[in-house]
Amino acid sequence: MKHISTFFYHVGQGFVGVFRNPVMSTASMLVLICCMLITGTFYLVIDNINRNFKALDDLNVMIVWIDDDTGDSDVSADESTQDDDMSGSPADNRETAVFDEETLAAIRALDHVTDVYYVSKQEAFDELVATEGSDADFLQYFDADTNNPLRASYRLTFESGTDTENIRYIKSALIDMGFDKENISENIDLYDNLNNVKGALTTVALWLMAILFVVSLFVIMNSIRLGLFSRREEIQIMRYVGATNAFIRTPFVFEGIIIGLISAVIALGLQYYLYAQVISEIVRKYSVVDIAPFGSYLLYIGVGFAVIGVFAGVFGSLISIRKYLKV
């Protein structure tokens, strides 16, 4: 019971400290809220950019087209000789029914290539039908078996975040294998530009968060110091009668934690309004990109804000109180 009553005493004194200096406490909260909002907003923007990147099928995919005069006949021959041996899932069958096993293995062995598989003319036509819909007008003029205008291809997927230099290395290696440059489809420039945008946003977010975090520490420290200064005689008496440093320090630590948690709750509410009512509405109005609901971020944002607030409050409190514990 003694420990429980002591705990509630410290918490109560923490709230008293917050309201003892309302101006500095409010200033501390405002700076922390700004820090959290900037961090949260940049995180949401960057993550939505990543989500939309993943929706672009060809962003980190390189397609190597196979000319009809070299690909189809040989592929058909390979498929006919391998029909009796192939087993397993359709995806496994598609990997074994390739134009050239050695070429497939060589492509797969390239650095930064995470996946490669062969797409036959039939599969390419089926994908087109699935994408455009079987009632698309132009499809009535073509047939997958006898009048298929599409070409077979290899499809390479490279690691997310691969830099432009390594993507060009992959393309150069394919050319060295004998593929025509014109038959290699990629989006190097778009991929590079989008990665630059993500990198710039991340850098700006980190710098702004760091600056505001440092500012918030100083404001919290000053707020705690004002409380310490007003209670300096009380603290000295407590030290003389044998109170431990931990007993004296704990209410001020709780004061910092309370400031941090209140800031986190307010920032979470403002972040929800900013994201759901402002950013989402603007995006939907202009139909620029798809945007994820705030509910999918609620846990991560809430925990992140709480961690930032508690860390700033505890750190700022511990630094402020050190010299006042010396009598």
C-alpha atoms as a PDB file:
ATOM      1  CA  MET A   1       0.000   0.000   0.000  1.00  0.00           C
ATOM      2  CA  LYS A   2       2.852   2.351   0.791  1.00  0.00           C
ATOM      3  CA  HIS A   3       4.272   2.023  -2.719  1.00  0.00           C
ATOM      4  CA  ILE A   4       0.858   2.611  -4.275  1.00  0.00           C
ATOM      5  CA  SER A   5       0.212   5.731  -2.214  1.00  0.00           C
ATOM      6  CA  THR A   6       3.714   7.002  -3.005  1.00  0.00           C
ATOM      7  CA  PHE A   7       3.076   6.441  -6.710  1.00  0.00           C
ATOM      8  CA  PHE A   8      -0.169   8.422  -6.650  1.00  0.00           C
ATOM      9  CA  TYR A   9       1.537  11.149  -4.618  1.00  0.00           C
ATOM     10  CA  HIS A  10       4.200  11.497  -7.325  1.00  0.00           C
ATOM     11  CA  VAL A  11       1.594  11.526 -10.103  1.00  0.00           C
ATOM     12  CA  GLY A  12      -0.437  14.132  -8.246  1.00  0.00           C
ATOM     13  CA  GLN A  13       2.621  16.303  -7.732  1.00  0.00           C
ATOM     14  CA  GLY A  14       3.374  15.914 -11.439  1.00  0.00           C
ATOM     15  CA  PHE A  15      -0.030  17.371 -12.328  1.00  0.00           C
ATOM     16  CA  VAL A  16       0.490  20.143  -9.769  1.00  0.00           C
ATOM     17  CA  GLY A  17       3.793  20.977 -11.449  1.00  0.00           C
ATOM     18  CA  VAL A  18       2.145  21.143 -14.887  1.00  0.00           C
ATOM     19  CA  PHE A  19      -0.466  23.641 -13.690  1.00  0.00           C
ATOM     20  CA  ARG A  20       1.959  25.550 -11.472  1.00  0.00           C
ATOM     21  CA  ASN A  21       3.595  27.025 -14.600  1.00  0.00           C
ATOM     22  CA  PRO A  22       0.782  26.994 -17.180  1.00  0.00           C
ATOM     23  CA  VAL A  23       2.532  29.298 -19.640  1.00  0.00           C
ATOM     24  CA  MET A  24       5.725  27.239 -19.876  1.00  0.00           C
ATOM     25  CA  SER A  25       3.795  23.971 -19.804  1.00  0.00           C
ATOM     26  CA  THR A  26       1.626  25.183 -22.684  1.00  0.00           C
ATOM     27  CA  ALA A  27       4.713  26.296 -24.594  1.00  0.00           C
ATOM     28  CA  SER A  28       6.288  22.876 -24.041  1.00  0.00           C
ATOM     29  CA  MET A  29       3.162  21.148 -25.320  1.00  0.00           C
ATOM     30  CA  LEU A  30       2.871  23.370 -28.385  1.00  0.00           C
ATOM     31  CA  VAL A  31       6.458  22.730 -29.462  1.00  0.00           C
ATOM     32  CA  LEU A  32       6.109  18.986 -28.861  1.00  0.00           C
ATOM     33  CA  ILE A  33       2.808  18.919 -30.776  1.00  0.00           C
ATOM     34  CA  CYS A  34       4.461  20.655 -33.733  1.00  0.00           C
ATOM     35  CA  CYS A  35       7.314  18.143 -33.620  1.00  0.00           C
ATOM     36  CA  MET A  36       4.886  15.214 -33.581  1.00  0.00           C
ATOM     37  CA  LEU A  37       2.661  16.633 -36.322  1.00  0.00           C
ATOM     38  CA  ILE A  38       5.583  17.235 -38.657  1.00  0.00           C
ATOM     39  CA  THR A  39       6.941  13.752 -38.003  1.00  0.00           C
ATOM     40  CA  GLY A  40       3.531  12.114 -38.414  1.00  0.00           C
ATOM     41  CA  THR A  41       2.585  14.062 -41.539  1.00  0.00           C
ATOM     42  CA  PHE A  42       5.829  13.250 -43.329  1.00  0.00           C
ATOM     43  CA  TYR A  43       5.519   9.595 -42.312  1.00  0.00           C
ATOM     44  CA  LEU A  44       1.965   9.423 -43.688  1.00  0.00           C
ATOM     45  CA  VAL A  45       2.932  11.143 -46.936  1.00  0.00           C
ATOM     46  CA  ILE A  46       5.984   8.930 -47.490  1.00  0.00           C
ATOM     47  CA  ASP A  47       4.087   5.734 -46.681  1.00  0.00           C
ATOM     48  CA  ASN A  48       1.250   6.663 -49.056  1.00  0.00           C
ATOM     49  CA  ILE A  49       3.817   7.370 -51.750  1.00  0.00           C
ATOM     50  CA  ASN A  50       5.267   3.892 -51.154  1.00  0.00           C
ATOM     51  CA  ARG A  51       1.801   2.341 -51.329  1.00  0.00           C
ATOM     52  CA  ASN A  52       1.154   4.005 -54.666  1.00  0.00           C
ATOM     53  CA  PHE A  53       4.592   2.984 -55.934  1.00  0.00           C
ATOM     54  CA  LYS A  54       3.662  -0.633 -55.282  1.00  0.00           C
ATOM     55  CA  ALA A  55       0.489  -0.149 -57.309  1.00  0.00           C
ATOM     56  CA  LEU A  56       2.564   0.739 -60.377  1.00  0.00           C
ATOM     57  CA  ASP A  57       3.255  -2.672 -61.878  1.00  0.00           C
ATOM     58  CA  ASP A  58       6.319  -1.676 -63.903  1.00  0.00           C
ATOM     59  CA  LEU A  59       8.042   0.568 -61.391  1.00  0.00           C
ATOM     60  CA  ASN A  60      10.590  -1.960 -60.160  1.00  0.00           C
ATOM     61  CA  VAL A  61       9.984  -4.431 -62.974  1.00  0.00           C
ATOM     62  CA  MET A  62      12.077  -4.748 -66.117  1.00  0.00           C
ATOM     63  CA  ILE A  63      10.543  -6.545 -69.101  1.00  0.00           C
ATOM     64  CA  VAL A  64      12.721  -8.217 -71.737  1.00  0.00           C
ATOM     65  CA  TRP A  65      10.729  -8.911 -74.880  1.00  0.00           C
ATOM     66  CA  ILE A  66      11.540 -11.998 -76.964  1.00  0.00           C
ATOM     67  CA  ASP A  67      11.214 -11.659 -80.726  1.00  0.00           C
ATOM     68  CA  ASP A  68       8.701 -13.982 -82.333  1.00  0.00           C
ATOM     69  CA  ASP A  69      11.195 -15.455 -84.757  1.00  0.00           C
ATOM     70  CA  THR A  70      13.490 -16.629 -81.932  1.00  0.00           C
ATOM     71  CA  GLY A  71      11.163 -17.127 -79.035  1.00  0.00           C
ATOM     72  CA  ASP A  72       7.886 -18.822 -79.846  1.00  0.00           C
ATOM     73  CA  SER A  73       9.046 -21.775 -81.862  1.00  0.00           C
ATOM     74  CA  ASP A  74      11.747 -22.689 -79.402  1.00  0.00           C
ATOM     75  CA  VAL A  75       9.441 -22.101 -76.467  1.00  0.00           C
ATOM     76  CA  SER A  76       6.853 -24.390 -77.985  1.00  0.00           C
ATOM     77  CA  ALA A  77       9.487 -27.029 -78.490  1.00  0.00           C
ATOM     78  CA  ASP A  78      10.707 -26.703 -74.930  1.00  0.00           C
ATOM     79  CA  GLU A  79       7.167 -26.828 -73.580  1.00  0.00           C
ATOM     80  CA  SER A  80       6.297 -29.930 -75.601  1.00  0.00           C
ATOM     81  CA  THR A  81       9.375 -31.802 -74.369  1.00  0.00           C
ATOM     82  CA  GLN A  82       8.765 -30.758 -70.765  1.00  0.00           C
ATOM     83  CA  ASP A  83       5.018 -31.424 -70.502  1.00  0.00           C
ATOM     84  CA  ASP A  84       5.533 -34.878 -69.045  1.00  0.00           C
ATOM     85  CA  ASP A  85       8.035 -33.638 -66.453  1.00  0.00           C
ATOM     86  CA  MET A  86       6.277 -30.526 -65.170  1.00  0.00           C
ATOM     87  CA  SER A  87       4.363 -30.743 -61.930  1.00  0.00           C
ATOM     88  CA  GLY A  88       3.285 -28.489 -59.118  1.00  0.00           C
ATOM     89  CA  SER A  89       1.594 -25.125 -59.141  1.00  0.00           C
ATOM     90  CA  PRO A  90       0.987 -23.002 -62.270  1.00  0.00           C
ATOM     91  CA  ALA A  91       3.658 -20.571 -61.099  1.00  0.00           C
ATOM     92  CA  ASP A  92       6.182 -23.436 -60.958  1.00  0.00           C
ATOM     93  CA  ASN A  93       5.179 -24.561 -64.424  1.00  0.00           C
ATOM     94  CA  ARG A  94       5.627 -21.064 -65.760  1.00  0.00           C
ATOM     95  CA  GLU A  95       9.192 -20.939 -64.448  1.00  0.00           C
ATOM     96  CA  THR A  96      10.146 -24.274 -66.029  1.00  0.00           C
ATOM     97  CA  ALA A  97       8.470 -23.527 -69.393  1.00  0.00           C
ATOM     98  CA  VAL A  98      11.116 -20.993 -70.383  1.00  0.00           C
ATOM     99  CA  PHE A  99      12.717 -19.981 -73.626  1.00  0.00           C
ATOM    100  CA  ASP A 100      16.215 -20.825 -72.396  1.00  0.00           C
ATOM    101  CA  GLU A 101      16.981 -22.320 -68.993  1.00  0.00           C
ATOM    102  CA  GLU A 102      20.576 -21.094 -69.060  1.00  0.00           C
ATOM    103  CA  THR A 103      19.486 -17.544 -69.848  1.00  0.00           C
ATOM    104  CA  LEU A 104      16.891 -17.648 -67.094  1.00  0.00           C
ATOM    105  CA  ALA A 105      19.515 -18.829 -64.597  1.00  0.00           C
ATOM    106  CA  ALA A 106      21.957 -16.144 -65.749  1.00  0.00           C
ATOM    107  CA  ILE A 107      19.352 -13.405 -65.315  1.00  0.00           C
ATOM    108  CA  ARG A 108      18.363 -14.703 -61.899  1.00  0.00           C
ATOM    109  CA  ALA A 109      22.023 -14.642 -60.831  1.00  0.00           C
ATOM    110  CA  LEU A 110      22.367 -10.898 -61.530  1.00  0.00           C
ATOM    111  CA  ASP A 111      22.912  -8.690 -58.497  1.00  0.00           C
ATOM    112  CA  HIS A 112      19.777  -6.963 -57.120  1.00  0.00           C
ATOM    113  CA  VAL A 113      17.412  -9.178 -59.157  1.00  0.00           C
ATOM    114  CA  THR A 114      14.950 -10.759 -56.725  1.00  0.00           C
ATOM    115  CA  ASP A 115      12.709 -12.613 -59.182  1.00  0.00           C
ATOM    116  CA  VAL A 116      12.520 -13.482 -62.869  1.00  0.00           C
ATOM    117  CA  TYR A 117      10.033 -15.603 -64.766  1.00  0.00           C
ATOM    118  CA  TYR A 118       8.978 -16.305 -68.313  1.00  0.00           C
ATOM    119  CA  VAL A 119       5.646 -15.071 -69.711  1.00  0.00           C
ATOM    120  CA  SER A 120       4.463 -16.823 -72.863  1.00  0.00           C
ATOM    121  CA  LYS A 121       2.410 -15.172 -75.599  1.00  0.00           C
ATOM    122  CA  GLN A 122      -0.653 -17.046 -74.327  1.00  0.00           C
ATOM    123  CA  GLU A 123      -0.141 -15.766 -70.768  1.00  0.00           C
ATOM    124  CA  ALA A 124       0.460 -12.226 -72.022  1.00  0.00           C
ATOM    125  CA  PHE A 125      -2.811 -12.352 -73.965  1.00  0.00           C
ATOM    126  CA  ASP A 126      -4.681 -13.715 -70.934  1.00  0.00           C
ATOM    127  CA  GLU A 127      -3.285 -10.879 -68.803  1.00  0.00           C
ATOM    128  CA  LEU A 128      -4.415  -8.340 -71.411  1.00  0.00           C
ATOM    129  CA  VAL A 129      -7.924  -9.798 -71.401  1.00  0.00           C
ATOM    130  CA  ALA A 130      -7.988  -9.719 -67.583  1.00  0.00           C
ATOM    131  CA  THR A 131      -6.785  -6.102 -67.540  1.00  0.00           C
ATOM    132  CA  GLU A 132      -8.922  -4.667 -70.342  1.00  0.00           C
ATOM    133  CA  GLY A 133     -11.968  -6.898 -69.946  1.00  0.00           C
ATOM    134  CA  SER A 134     -13.175  -9.511 -72.386  1.00  0.00           C
ATOM    135  CA  ASP A 135     -15.657  -7.046 -73.898  1.00  0.00           C
ATOM    136  CA  ALA A 136     -12.936  -4.604 -75.040  1.00  0.00           C
ATOM    137  CA  ASP A 137     -13.685  -3.768 -78.683  1.00  0.00           C
ATOM    138  CA  PHE A 138     -10.192  -4.318 -80.062  1.00  0.00           C
ATOM    139  CA  LEU A 139      -9.931  -7.858 -78.636  1.00  0.00           C
ATOM    140  CA  GLN A 140     -12.477  -9.161 -81.135  1.00  0.00           C
ATOM    141  CA  TYR A 141      -9.837  -8.897 -83.862  1.00  0.00           C
ATOM    142  CA  PHE A 142      -7.301 -11.110 -82.076  1.00  0.00           C
ATOM    143  CA  ASP A 143      -7.045 -14.649 -80.817  1.00  0.00           C
ATOM    144  CA  ALA A 144      -4.537 -16.060 -78.312  1.00  0.00           C
ATOM    145  CA  ASP A 145      -3.732 -19.119 -80.470  1.00  0.00           C
ATOM    146  CA  THR A 146      -3.775 -18.014 -84.099  1.00  0.00           C
ATOM    147  CA  ASN A 147      -3.730 -14.215 -84.159  1.00  0.00           C
ATOM    148  CA  ASN A 148      -1.829 -13.075 -81.060  1.00  0.00           C
ATOM    149  CA  PRO A 149       0.006  -9.739 -81.515  1.00  0.00           C
ATOM    150  CA  LEU A 150       1.809  -9.965 -78.187  1.00  0.00           C
ATOM    151  CA  ARG A 151       5.336 -11.244 -77.581  1.00  0.00           C
ATOM    152  CA  ALA A 152       6.749 -13.586 -74.975  1.00  0.00           C
ATOM    153  CA  SER A 153       8.985 -12.002 -72.375  1.00  0.00           C
ATOM    154  CA  TYR A 154      11.111 -12.341 -69.288  1.00  0.00           C
ATOM    155  CA  ARG A 155       9.952 -10.247 -66.342  1.00  0.00           C
ATOM    156  CA  LEU A 156      12.588  -9.194 -63.843  1.00  0.00           C
ATOM    157  CA  THR A 157      11.844  -7.745 -60.428  1.00  0.00           C
ATOM    158  CA  PHE A 158      14.696  -5.913 -58.741  1.00  0.00           C
ATOM    159  CA  GLU A 159      15.052  -4.967 -55.103  1.00  0.00           C
ATOM    160  CA  SER A 160      13.003  -2.034 -53.868  1.00  0.00           C
ATOM    161  CA  GLY A 161      15.306   0.934 -53.341  1.00  0.00           C
ATOM    162  CA  THR A 162      17.876  -0.225 -55.887  1.00  0.00           C
ATOM    163  CA  ASP A 163      19.735   2.839 -57.129  1.00  0.00           C
ATOM    164  CA  THR A 164      19.781   3.916 -60.763  1.00  0.00           C
ATOM    165  CA  GLU A 165      23.374   2.833 -61.317  1.00  0.00           C
ATOM    166  CA  ASN A 166      22.595  -0.775 -60.382  1.00  0.00           C
ATOM    167  CA  ILE A 167      19.456  -0.798 -62.529  1.00  0.00           C
ATOM    168  CA  ARG A 168      21.551   0.337 -65.488  1.00  0.00           C
ATOM    169  CA  TYR A 169      24.014  -2.442 -64.637  1.00  0.00           C
ATOM    170  CA  ILE A 170      21.181  -4.982 -64.913  1.00  0.00           C
ATOM    171  CA  LYS A 171      20.148  -3.539 -68.258  1.00  0.00           C
ATOM    172  CA  SER A 172      23.737  -3.571 -69.524  1.00  0.00           C
ATOM    173  CA  ALA A 173      24.136  -7.200 -68.429  1.00  0.00           C
ATOM    174  CA  LEU A 174      21.014  -8.141 -70.395  1.00  0.00           C
ATOM    175  CA  ILE A 175      22.384  -6.442 -73.495  1.00  0.00           C
ATOM    176  CA  ASP A 176      25.623  -8.388 -73.031  1.00  0.00           C
ATOM    177  CA  MET A 177      23.559 -11.587 -73.015  1.00  0.00           C
ATOM    178  CA  GLY A 178      22.375 -10.769 -76.530  1.00  0.00           C
ATOM    179  CA  PHE A 179      19.071  -8.981 -75.946  1.00  0.00           C
ATOM    180  CA  ASP A 180      18.411  -5.908 -78.075  1.00  0.00           C
ATOM    181  CA  LYS A 181      18.347  -2.621 -76.198  1.00  0.00           C
ATOM    182  CA  GLU A 182      15.012  -1.795 -77.846  1.00  0.00           C
ATOM    183  CA  ASN A 183      13.506  -4.995 -76.431  1.00  0.00           C
ATOM    184  CA  ILE A 184      14.227  -4.032 -72.820  1.00  0.00           C
ATOM    185  CA  SER A 185      11.438  -2.033 -71.187  1.00  0.00           C
ATOM    186  CA  GLU A 186      12.168  -0.168 -67.940  1.00  0.00           C
ATOM    187  CA  ASN A 187      11.309   3.017 -66.074  1.00  0.00           C
ATOM    188  CA  ILE A 188      14.728   4.037 -64.796  1.00  0.00           C
ATOM    189  CA  ASP A 189      14.131   7.792 -64.953  1.00  0.00           C
ATOM    190  CA  LEU A 190      10.693   7.606 -63.319  1.00  0.00           C
ATOM    191  CA  TYR A 191      11.981   5.205 -60.671  1.00  0.00           C
ATOM    192  CA  ASP A 192      14.943   7.481 -59.959  1.00  0.00           C
ATOM    193  CA  ASN A 193      12.789  10.615 -59.732  1.00  0.00           C
ATOM    194  CA  LEU A 194      10.317   8.999 -57.367  1.00  0.00           C
ATOM    195  CA  ASN A 195      13.107   7.688 -55.141  1.00  0.00           C
ATOM    196  CA  ASN A 196      14.619  11.179 -55.086  1.00  0.00           C
ATOM    197  CA  VAL A 197      11.268  12.592 -53.955  1.00  0.00           C
ATOM    198  CA  LYS A 198      11.042  10.012 -51.155  1.00  0.00           C
ATOM    199  CA  GLY A 199      14.628  10.691 -50.111  1.00  0.00           C
ATOM    200  CA  ALA A 200      14.108  14.454 -50.053  1.00  0.00           C
ATOM    201  CA  LEU A 201      10.912  14.166 -48.016  1.00  0.00           C
ATOM    202  CA  THR A 202      12.591  11.816 -45.552  1.00  0.00           C
ATOM    203  CA  THR A 203      15.586  14.124 -45.141  1.00  0.00           C
ATOM    204  CA  VAL A 204      13.409  17.203 -44.589  1.00  0.00           C
ATOM    205  CA  ALA A 205      11.247  15.314 -42.077  1.00  0.00           C
ATOM    206  CA  LEU A 206      14.246  14.087 -40.091  1.00  0.00           C
ATOM    207  CA  TRP A 207      15.867  17.527 -39.923  1.00  0.00           C
ATOM    208  CA  LEU A 208      12.656  19.294 -38.915  1.00  0.00           C
ATOM    209  CA  MET A 209      11.906  16.626 -36.316  1.00  0.00           C
ATOM    210  CA  ALA A 210      15.423  16.873 -34.894  1.00  0.00           C
ATOM    211  CA  ILE A 211      15.295  20.671 -34.671  1.00  0.00           C
ATOM    212  CA  LEU A 212      11.861  20.780 -33.069  1.00  0.00           C
ATOM    213  CA  PHE A 213      12.751  17.916 -30.736  1.00  0.00           C
ATOM    214  CA  VAL A 214      15.769  19.828 -29.448  1.00  0.00           C
ATOM    215  CA  VAL A 215      13.677  22.976 -29.057  1.00  0.00           C
ATOM    216  CA  SER A 216      11.012  21.034 -27.177  1.00  0.00           C
ATOM    217  CA  LEU A 217      13.658  19.635 -24.823  1.00  0.00           C
ATOM    218  CA  PHE A 218      14.843  23.142 -23.968  1.00  0.00           C
ATOM    219  CA  VAL A 219      11.286  24.371 -23.388  1.00  0.00           C
ATOM    220  CA  ILE A 220      10.476  21.392 -21.168  1.00  0.00           C
ATOM    221  CA  MET A 221      13.739  21.899 -19.278  1.00  0.00           C
ATOM    222  CA  ASN A 222      12.897  25.550 -18.657  1.00  0.00           C
ATOM    223  CA  SER A 223       9.400  24.629 -17.535  1.00  0.00           C
ATOM    224  CA  ILE A 224      10.778  22.090 -15.049  1.00  0.00           C
ATOM    225  CA  ARG A 225      13.423  24.555 -13.865  1.00  0.00           C
ATOM    226  CA  LEU A 226      10.778  27.132 -13.049  1.00  0.00           C
ATOM    227  CA  GLY A 227       9.010  24.555 -10.929  1.00  0.00           C
ATOM    228  CA  LEU A 228      12.275  23.590  -9.276  1.00  0.00           C
ATOM    229  CA  PHE A 229      13.133  27.212  -8.587  1.00  0.00           C
ATOM    230  CA  SER A 230       9.774  27.876  -6.951  1.00  0.00           C
ATOM    231  CA  ARG A 231      10.205  24.780  -4.775  1.00  0.00           C
ATOM    232  CA  ARG A 232      13.947  25.115  -4.097  1.00  0.00           C
ATOM    233  CA  GLU A 233      13.504  25.700  -0.358  1.00  0.00           C
ATOM    234  CA  GLU A 234      11.088  22.777  -0.085  1.00  0.00           C
ATOM    235  CA  ILE A 235      13.575  20.539  -1.933  1.00  0.00           C
ATOM    236  CA  GLN A 236      16.403  21.598   0.394  1.00  0.00           C
ATOM    237  CA  ILE A 237      14.290  20.793   3.462  1.00  0.00           C
ATOM    238  CA  MET A 238      13.385  17.389   1.980  1.00  0.00           C
ATOM    239  CA  ARG A 239      17.080  16.698   1.395  1.00  0.00           C
ATOM    240  CA  TYR A 240      17.968  17.678   4.978  1.00  0.00           C
ATOM    241  CA  VAL A 241      15.312  15.394   6.494  1.00  0.00           C
ATOM    242  CA  GLY A 242      16.612  12.436   4.492  1.00  0.00           C
ATOM    243  CA  ALA A 243      14.497  12.287   1.354  1.00  0.00           C
ATOM    244  CA  THR A 244      16.228  10.325  -1.395  1.00  0.00           C
ATOM    245  CA  ASN A 245      17.127  11.824  -4.737  1.00  0.00           C
ATOM    246  CA  ALA A 246      14.672   9.449  -6.412  1.00  0.00           C
ATOM    247  CA  PHE A 247      11.798  10.629  -4.206  1.00  0.00           C
ATOM    248  CA  ILE A 248      12.542  14.274  -5.015  1.00  0.00           C
ATOM    249  CA  ARG A 249      13.164  13.650  -8.698  1.00  0.00           C
ATOM    250  CA  THR A 250      10.132  11.460  -9.476  1.00  0.00           C
ATOM    251  CA  PRO A 251       7.375  14.156  -9.374  1.00  0.00           C
ATOM    252  CA  PHE A 252       9.317  16.244 -11.887  1.00  0.00           C
ATOM    253  CA  VAL A 253       9.827  13.218 -14.121  1.00  0.00           C
ATOM    254  CA  PHE A 254       6.083  12.594 -13.993  1.00  0.00           C
ATOM    255  CA  GLU A 255       5.539  16.242 -14.840  1.00  0.00           C
ATOM    256  CA  GLY A 256       7.586  15.792 -17.993  1.00  0.00           C
ATOM    257  CA  ILE A 257       5.776  12.543 -18.836  1.00  0.00           C
ATOM    258  CA  ILE A 258       2.383  14.204 -18.350  1.00  0.00           C
ATOM    259  CA  ILE A 259       3.385  17.071 -20.637  1.00  0.00           C
ATOM    260  CA  GLY A 260       4.577  14.549 -23.242  1.00  0.00           C
ATOM    261  CA  LEU A 261       1.462  12.354 -23.077  1.00  0.00           C
ATOM    262  CA  ILE A 262      -0.965  15.291 -23.199  1.00  0.00           C
ATOM    263  CA  SER A 263       0.952  16.580 -26.210  1.00  0.00           C
ATOM    264  CA  ALA A 264       0.733  13.131 -27.834  1.00  0.00           C
ATOM    265  CA  VAL A 265      -3.051  12.926 -27.376  1.00  0.00           C
ATOM    266  CA  ILE A 266      -3.615  16.431 -28.764  1.00  0.00           C
ATOM    267  CA  ALA A 267      -1.213  15.790 -31.653  1.00  0.00           C
ATOM    268  CA  LEU A 268      -2.982  12.507 -32.505  1.00  0.00           C
ATOM    269  CA  GLY A 269      -6.330  14.270 -32.696  1.00  0.00           C
ATOM    270  CA  LEU A 270      -4.906  17.061 -34.843  1.00  0.00           C
ATOM    271  CA  GLN A 271      -3.116  14.509 -37.043  1.00  0.00           C
ATOM    272  CA  TYR A 272      -6.406  12.687 -37.616  1.00  0.00           C
ATOM    273  CA  TYR A 273      -8.162  15.912 -38.596  1.00  0.00           C
ATOM    274  CA  LEU A 274      -5.294  17.031 -40.825  1.00  0.00           C
ATOM    275  CA  TYR A 275      -5.085  13.672 -42.586  1.00  0.00           C
ATOM    276  CA  ALA A 276      -8.725  12.602 -42.779  1.00  0.00           C
ATOM    277  CA  GLN A 277     -10.369  15.976 -43.297  1.00  0.00           C
ATOM    278  CA  VAL A 278      -7.752  17.989 -45.183  1.00  0.00           C
ATOM    279  CA  ILE A 279      -5.191  15.833 -47.009  1.00  0.00           C
ATOM    280  CA  SER A 280      -7.631  13.031 -47.888  1.00  0.00           C
ATOM    281  CA  GLU A 281     -10.253  15.452 -49.177  1.00  0.00           C
ATOM    282  CA  ILE A 282      -7.742  17.261 -51.373  1.00  0.00           C
ATOM    283  CA  VAL A 283      -6.450  13.958 -52.777  1.00  0.00           C
ATOM    284  CA  ARG A 284      -9.957  12.636 -53.438  1.00  0.00           C
ATOM    285  CA  LYS A 285     -11.046  15.902 -55.028  1.00  0.00           C
ATOM    286  CA  TYR A 286      -8.265  15.849 -57.592  1.00  0.00           C
ATOM    287  CA  SER A 287      -8.002  12.024 -57.778  1.00  0.00           C
ATOM    288  CA  VAL A 288      -4.223  12.238 -57.749  1.00  0.00           C
ATOM    289  CA  VAL A 289      -3.402   9.009 -55.914  1.00  0.00           C
ATOM    290  CA  ASP A 290      -5.070   6.458 -53.684  1.00  0.00           C
ATOM    291  CA  ILE A 291      -4.746   7.234 -50.003  1.00  0.00           C
ATOM    292  CA  ALA A 292      -4.953   4.759 -47.126  1.00  0.00           C
ATOM    293  CA  PRO A 293      -7.454   5.298 -44.276  1.00  0.00           C
ATOM    294  CA  PHE A 294      -6.120   6.825 -41.082  1.00  0.00           C
ATOM    295  CA  GLY A 295      -7.280   3.794 -39.119  1.00  0.00           C
ATOM    296  CA  SER A 296      -4.493   1.700 -40.655  1.00  0.00           C
ATOM    297  CA  TYR A 297      -1.957   4.111 -39.129  1.00  0.00           C
ATOM    298  CA  LEU A 298      -3.651   4.808 -35.797  1.00  0.00           C
ATOM    299  CA  LEU A 299      -1.636   2.347 -33.698  1.00  0.00           C
ATOM    300  CA  TYR A 300       1.752   3.269 -35.193  1.00  0.00           C
ATOM    301  CA  ILE A 301       1.131   7.018 -34.999  1.00  0.00           C
ATOM    302  CA  GLY A 302      -0.258   6.809 -31.464  1.00  0.00           C
ATOM    303  CA  VAL A 303       2.631   4.721 -30.149  1.00  0.00           C
ATOM    304  CA  GLY A 304       5.171   6.889 -31.973  1.00  0.00           C
ATOM    305  CA  PHE A 305       3.753  10.105 -30.537  1.00  0.00           C
ATOM    306  CA  ALA A 306       3.643   8.609 -27.040  1.00  0.00           C
ATOM    307  CA  VAL A 307       7.281   7.486 -27.282  1.00  0.00           C
ATOM    308  CA  ILE A 308       8.408  10.921 -28.490  1.00  0.00           C
ATOM    309  CA  GLY A 309       6.454  12.674 -25.737  1.00  0.00           C
ATOM    310  CA  VAL A 310       7.584  10.409 -22.883  1.00  0.00           C
ATOM    311  CA  PHE A 311      11.220  10.436 -23.990  1.00  0.00           C
ATOM    312  CA  ALA A 312      11.291  14.228 -24.327  1.00  0.00           C
ATOM    313  CA  GLY A 313       9.566  14.674 -20.953  1.00  0.00           C
ATOM    314  CA  VAL A 314      11.794  12.260 -19.042  1.00  0.00           C
ATOM    315  CA  PHE A 315      15.022  13.436 -20.664  1.00  0.00           C
ATOM    316  CA  GLY A 316      14.240  17.110 -20.175  1.00  0.00           C
ATOM    317  CA  SER A 317      13.237  16.554 -16.540  1.00  0.00           C
ATOM    318  CA  LEU A 318      16.316  14.537 -15.611  1.00  0.00           C
ATOM    319  CA  ILE A 319      18.686  17.123 -17.078  1.00  0.00           C
ATOM    320  CA  SER A 320      16.914  20.018 -15.345  1.00  0.00           C
ATOM    321  CA  ILE A 321      16.847  18.575 -11.856  1.00  0.00           C
ATOM    322  CA  ARG A 322      20.450  17.426 -11.455  1.00  0.00           C
ATOM    323  CA  LYS A 323      21.960  20.564  -9.938  1.00  0.00           C
ATOM    324  CA  TYR A 324      19.015  21.090  -7.569  1.00  0.00           C
ATOM    325  CA  LEU A 325      19.716  17.751  -5.885  1.00  0.00           C
ATOM    326  CA  LYS A 326      23.016  19.058  -4.569  1.00  0.00           C
ATOM    327  CA  VAL A 327      22.762  20.788  -1.204  1.00  0.00           C
END
